[in-house]
Amino acid sequence: MIDHQFINNKFGFLGKDFINEVHQYGITDKIKAKTELISEGEKIKFIPFMITGSVKVYCLNDGRELIYYYVRPNESCVMTFSSIFSNYISKIYAITEEDSEVLLIPVSVMHDWLIRFPGINRVFYQEYDKRFIDVMNMVNEAVFHRLDKRVLSYIKQQITLTGNHPIKLTHREIASNLGTSREVVSRVLKKIENEGEIYQSKEGIRIAINENVSQV
C-alpha cells in the first residue's frame, strides 16, 4: 500500500492529477537489509524513491568498493535516473543498508511524466545537486585526508545513518567500503582507539563523548 503522506510531501507541488498517477502506477516494496537492488550491467526497469531506510550506491574495482553516496528517505538515485536517457544499463551497484521501503516507478511511466509533467525535473535537479556534493566530498576525503580520518569519518557517517551508537561494523566491512585491506583498517582502528577517539567492544564501535557525530 502506497504511503499517502510520502507521496503528498514528495510530489504534492505537481498537482492532483500527478498524485493520482503515482497511486495508479507506483509500486511499493519492503526490502530486507543487505539486499542487492541492482548491479552493474543490469537493465534498469524502475526509478526508485526511498520512503524509509537507506541504500548504498557504489562501484567495484578489483573486488574493492568505492562508495558514491547513500540514498536516504525522501531521496532517489540519480545515477539510475540518468541511465534511462542512454542505454538503460546500470553503471552502479546498490544495496540496502537497513530494512527499507521503496517507491518504484516504471521507466516507461517516468518517460511519459517527463513530457506531460515537466515540473518533475525539479525533483531530480535537487537530487543532482546533493549527489554532486556527496561525490565531491568523497573525492576530497580520498585525495586529501589520511586513512585514519577517513575511517573515523566513515564510522560517524554510519552512526548518523543508522542511529546506532555503538555501531557494529566489521573491520572487513570498513576496509571494503574504503577501498583498503582489513589488516590496514585493524591497525588504524587500534591507533585511533589508543588516541581516545573511539572505543571498541562486543557491542560495537563507540565514538568518544567529545566527538560530534551529528554533523557528519
Protein backbone atom coordinates (compact mmCIF):
# COMPACT_ATOMS: atom_id res chain seq x y z
CA MET A 1 0.00 0.00 0.00
CA ILE A 2 1.42 3.38 -1.03
CA ASP A 3 2.24 5.82 1.75
CA HIS A 4 -0.11 8.76 1.05
CA GLN A 5 1.84 11.16 3.27
CA PHE A 6 5.11 10.38 1.50
CA ILE A 7 3.52 10.89 -1.94
CA ASN A 8 1.95 14.19 -0.97
CA ASN A 9 5.14 15.51 0.63
CA LYS A 10 7.35 14.46 -2.28
CA PHE A 11 5.12 15.26 -5.26
CA GLY A 12 2.31 17.47 -3.97
CA PHE A 13 3.65 20.53 -5.82
CA LEU A 14 2.91 18.75 -9.13
CA GLY A 15 -0.86 18.73 -8.54
CA LYS A 16 -3.70 16.30 -8.02
CA ASP A 17 -3.54 14.71 -11.49
CA PHE A 18 0.08 13.73 -10.95
CA ILE A 19 -0.62 12.38 -7.46
CA ASN A 20 -3.38 10.21 -8.92
CA GLU A 21 -0.95 8.77 -11.46
CA VAL A 22 1.61 7.99 -8.77
CA HIS A 23 -1.06 5.97 -6.97
CA GLN A 24 -2.01 4.31 -10.25
CA TYR A 25 1.46 3.30 -11.46
CA GLY A 26 3.69 3.37 -8.40
CA ILE A 27 4.73 0.16 -6.66
CA THR A 28 5.94 -0.03 -3.08
CA ASP A 29 8.29 -2.75 -1.94
CA LYS A 30 9.65 -3.58 1.51
CA ILE A 31 13.23 -4.84 1.27
CA LYS A 32 15.39 -6.51 3.89
CA ALA A 33 18.76 -5.09 4.90
CA LYS A 34 21.82 -6.15 2.84
CA THR A 35 19.70 -6.91 -0.24
CA GLU A 36 21.22 -6.05 -3.62
CA LEU A 37 18.78 -3.92 -5.58
CA ILE A 38 20.74 -3.69 -8.80
CA SER A 39 24.21 -4.48 -10.09
CA GLU A 40 26.41 -3.00 -12.76
CA GLY A 41 25.34 -4.13 -16.23
CA GLU A 42 21.71 -4.88 -15.31
CA LYS A 43 18.88 -3.31 -17.27
CA ILE A 44 17.02 -0.66 -15.29
CA LYS A 45 13.25 -1.13 -15.15
CA PHE A 46 12.26 1.17 -12.30
CA ILE A 47 13.22 4.54 -10.82
CA PRO A 48 13.37 4.23 -7.00
CA PHE A 49 12.33 6.74 -4.34
CA MET A 50 13.25 5.94 -0.74
CA ILE A 51 10.38 6.02 1.76
CA THR A 52 12.27 4.57 4.73
CA GLY A 53 15.70 3.02 5.27
CA SER A 54 18.85 3.67 3.24
CA VAL A 55 20.67 2.35 0.19
CA LYS A 56 24.40 2.37 -0.53
CA VAL A 57 25.36 3.21 -4.12
CA TYR A 58 28.86 2.15 -5.14
CA CYS A 59 31.13 0.70 -7.83
CA LEU A 60 33.57 -2.21 -7.69
CA ASN A 61 37.20 -2.12 -8.78
CA ASP A 62 39.29 -5.28 -8.38
CA GLY A 63 36.81 -6.50 -5.79
CA ARG A 64 37.01 -3.31 -3.72
CA GLU A 65 34.08 -0.99 -3.20
CA LEU A 66 34.10 2.73 -3.86
CA ILE A 67 31.05 4.38 -2.31
CA TYR A 68 29.47 7.16 -4.37
CA TYR A 69 26.69 8.13 -1.97
CA TYR A 70 23.81 6.89 0.20
CA VAL A 71 20.16 7.26 -0.76
CA ARG A 72 18.13 8.22 2.30
CA PRO A 73 14.38 8.71 2.95
CA ASN A 74 12.71 11.16 0.54
CA GLU A 75 15.61 10.81 -1.94
CA SER A 76 16.18 9.00 -5.24
CA CYS A 77 19.15 7.52 -7.10
CA VAL A 78 20.17 9.98 -9.80
CA MET A 79 22.59 7.54 -11.45
CA THR A 80 19.66 5.21 -12.02
CA PHE A 81 17.57 8.09 -13.34
CA SER A 82 20.30 9.35 -15.70
CA SER A 83 20.74 5.92 -17.30
CA ILE A 84 17.21 5.95 -18.74
CA PHE A 85 18.34 8.59 -21.23
CA SER A 86 21.01 6.34 -22.74
CA ASN A 87 21.04 2.54 -22.74
CA TYR A 88 19.02 1.72 -19.60
CA ILE A 89 22.03 -0.19 -18.26
CA SER A 90 23.11 0.36 -14.67
CA LYS A 91 26.60 1.73 -14.08
CA ILE A 92 26.42 1.17 -10.32
CA TYR A 93 25.66 -1.34 -7.58
CA ALA A 94 23.02 -0.56 -4.98
CA ILE A 95 22.37 -2.45 -1.74
CA THR A 96 20.09 -1.72 1.21
CA GLU A 97 21.97 -0.80 4.38
CA GLU A 98 18.93 -1.49 6.59
CA ASP A 99 15.34 -2.68 6.24
CA SER A 100 13.85 -0.27 3.71
CA GLU A 101 10.67 0.66 1.88
CA VAL A 102 10.92 1.94 -1.68
CA LEU A 103 8.51 3.51 -4.15
CA LEU A 104 9.23 2.17 -7.64
CA ILE A 105 8.15 3.97 -10.81
CA PRO A 106 8.37 2.03 -14.11
CA VAL A 107 10.83 3.60 -16.56
CA SER A 108 8.18 3.85 -19.30
CA VAL A 109 5.91 5.81 -16.95
CA MET A 110 8.75 8.13 -15.95
CA HIS A 111 9.48 8.92 -19.61
CA ASP A 112 5.82 9.83 -20.11
CA TRP A 113 5.78 12.01 -16.98
CA LEU A 114 8.84 13.97 -18.10
CA ILE A 115 6.82 15.07 -21.13
CA ARG A 116 3.43 15.61 -19.50
CA PHE A 117 4.64 16.84 -16.10
CA PRO A 118 7.95 18.65 -16.80
CA GLY A 119 7.90 20.04 -13.25
CA ILE A 120 9.15 16.65 -12.04
CA ASN A 121 12.58 17.67 -13.35
CA ARG A 122 12.80 19.90 -10.27
CA VAL A 123 12.96 16.76 -8.11
CA PHE A 124 15.96 15.44 -10.00
CA TYR A 125 17.75 18.78 -10.24
CA GLN A 126 17.69 18.87 -6.44
CA GLU A 127 18.96 15.28 -6.31
CA TYR A 128 21.81 16.04 -8.72
CA ASP A 129 22.89 18.92 -6.51
CA LYS A 130 23.00 16.66 -3.43
CA ARG A 131 24.87 13.89 -5.23
CA PHE A 132 27.43 16.24 -6.73
CA ILE A 133 28.26 17.43 -3.22
CA ASP A 134 28.41 13.81 -1.96
CA VAL A 135 30.80 12.75 -4.73
CA MET A 136 32.99 15.84 -4.27
CA ASN A 137 33.24 15.10 -0.54
CA MET A 138 34.18 11.51 -1.34
CA VAL A 139 36.91 12.63 -3.75
CA ASN A 140 38.26 15.19 -1.26
CA GLU A 141 38.44 12.59 1.50
CA ALA A 142 40.15 10.04 -0.74
CA VAL A 143 42.73 12.52 -2.02
CA PHE A 144 43.40 14.84 0.88
CA HIS A 145 42.53 13.01 4.12
CA ARG A 146 44.70 10.46 5.89
CA LEU A 147 43.20 6.99 6.23
CA ASP A 148 42.64 7.37 9.96
CA LYS A 149 40.47 10.44 9.32
CA ARG A 150 38.56 8.59 6.60
CA VAL A 151 37.93 5.60 8.89
CA LEU A 152 36.70 7.86 11.69
CA SER A 153 34.51 9.81 9.25
CA TYR A 154 33.02 6.58 7.90
CA ILE A 155 32.15 5.34 11.41
CA LYS A 156 30.46 8.65 12.26
CA GLN A 157 28.58 8.55 8.97
CA GLN A 158 27.24 5.07 9.71
CA ILE A 159 26.17 6.10 13.22
CA THR A 160 24.30 9.09 11.80
CA LEU A 161 22.78 6.97 9.04
CA THR A 162 21.53 4.12 11.23
CA GLY A 163 21.05 5.87 14.58
CA ASN A 164 23.00 3.03 16.25
CA HIS A 165 25.67 4.02 18.79
CA PRO A 166 27.69 1.96 19.43
CA ILE A 167 27.55 0.57 15.91
CA LYS A 168 28.52 -2.92 14.81
CA LEU A 169 30.93 -2.75 11.87
CA THR A 170 33.43 -5.45 10.96
CA HIS A 171 36.96 -4.46 10.03
CA ARG A 172 36.45 -6.18 6.69
CA GLU A 173 33.29 -4.16 6.01
CA ILE A 174 35.05 -0.88 6.73
CA ALA A 175 38.00 -1.91 4.55
CA SER A 176 35.74 -2.86 1.65
CA ASN A 177 33.88 0.44 1.79
CA LEU A 178 37.07 2.50 1.93
CA GLY A 179 38.99 0.55 -0.70
CA THR A 180 41.73 -0.81 1.53
CA SER A 181 42.60 -4.05 3.36
CA ARG A 182 41.21 -5.49 6.60
CA GLU A 183 44.67 -5.61 8.14
CA VAL A 184 45.23 -1.90 7.48
CA VAL A 185 41.84 -0.99 8.96
CA SER A 186 42.57 -3.07 12.06
CA ARG A 187 45.81 -1.16 12.62
CA VAL A 188 44.10 2.19 12.04
CA LEU A 189 41.25 1.36 14.45
CA LYS A 190 43.76 0.35 17.11
CA LYS A 191 45.64 3.62 16.58
CA ILE A 192 42.60 5.89 16.90
CA GLU A 193 41.39 3.83 19.87
CA ASN A 194 44.73 4.39 21.61
CA GLU A 195 44.32 8.10 20.85
CA GLY A 196 40.97 8.05 22.68
CA GLU A 197 38.77 8.85 19.67
CA ILE A 198 36.83 5.56 19.68
CA TYR A 199 36.10 2.61 21.97
CA GLN A 200 35.75 -0.95 20.66
CA SER A 201 33.78 -3.64 22.48
CA LYS A 202 31.50 -6.63 21.83
CA GLU A 203 28.63 -4.15 21.43
CA GLY A 204 30.43 -2.39 18.57
CA ILE A 205 32.37 0.81 18.00
CA ARG A 206 31.58 3.91 20.03
CA ILE A 207 32.76 7.43 19.28
CA ALA A 208 34.30 9.28 22.24
CA ILE A 209 31.85 11.56 24.04
CA ASN A 210 33.60 14.75 22.96
CA GLU A 211 33.23 13.79 19.26
CA ASN A 212 30.31 15.42 17.42
CA VAL A 213 28.58 12.68 15.41
CA SER A 214 25.51 14.60 14.30
CA GLN A 215 27.43 16.88 11.94
CA VAL A 216 28.64 14.03 9.70
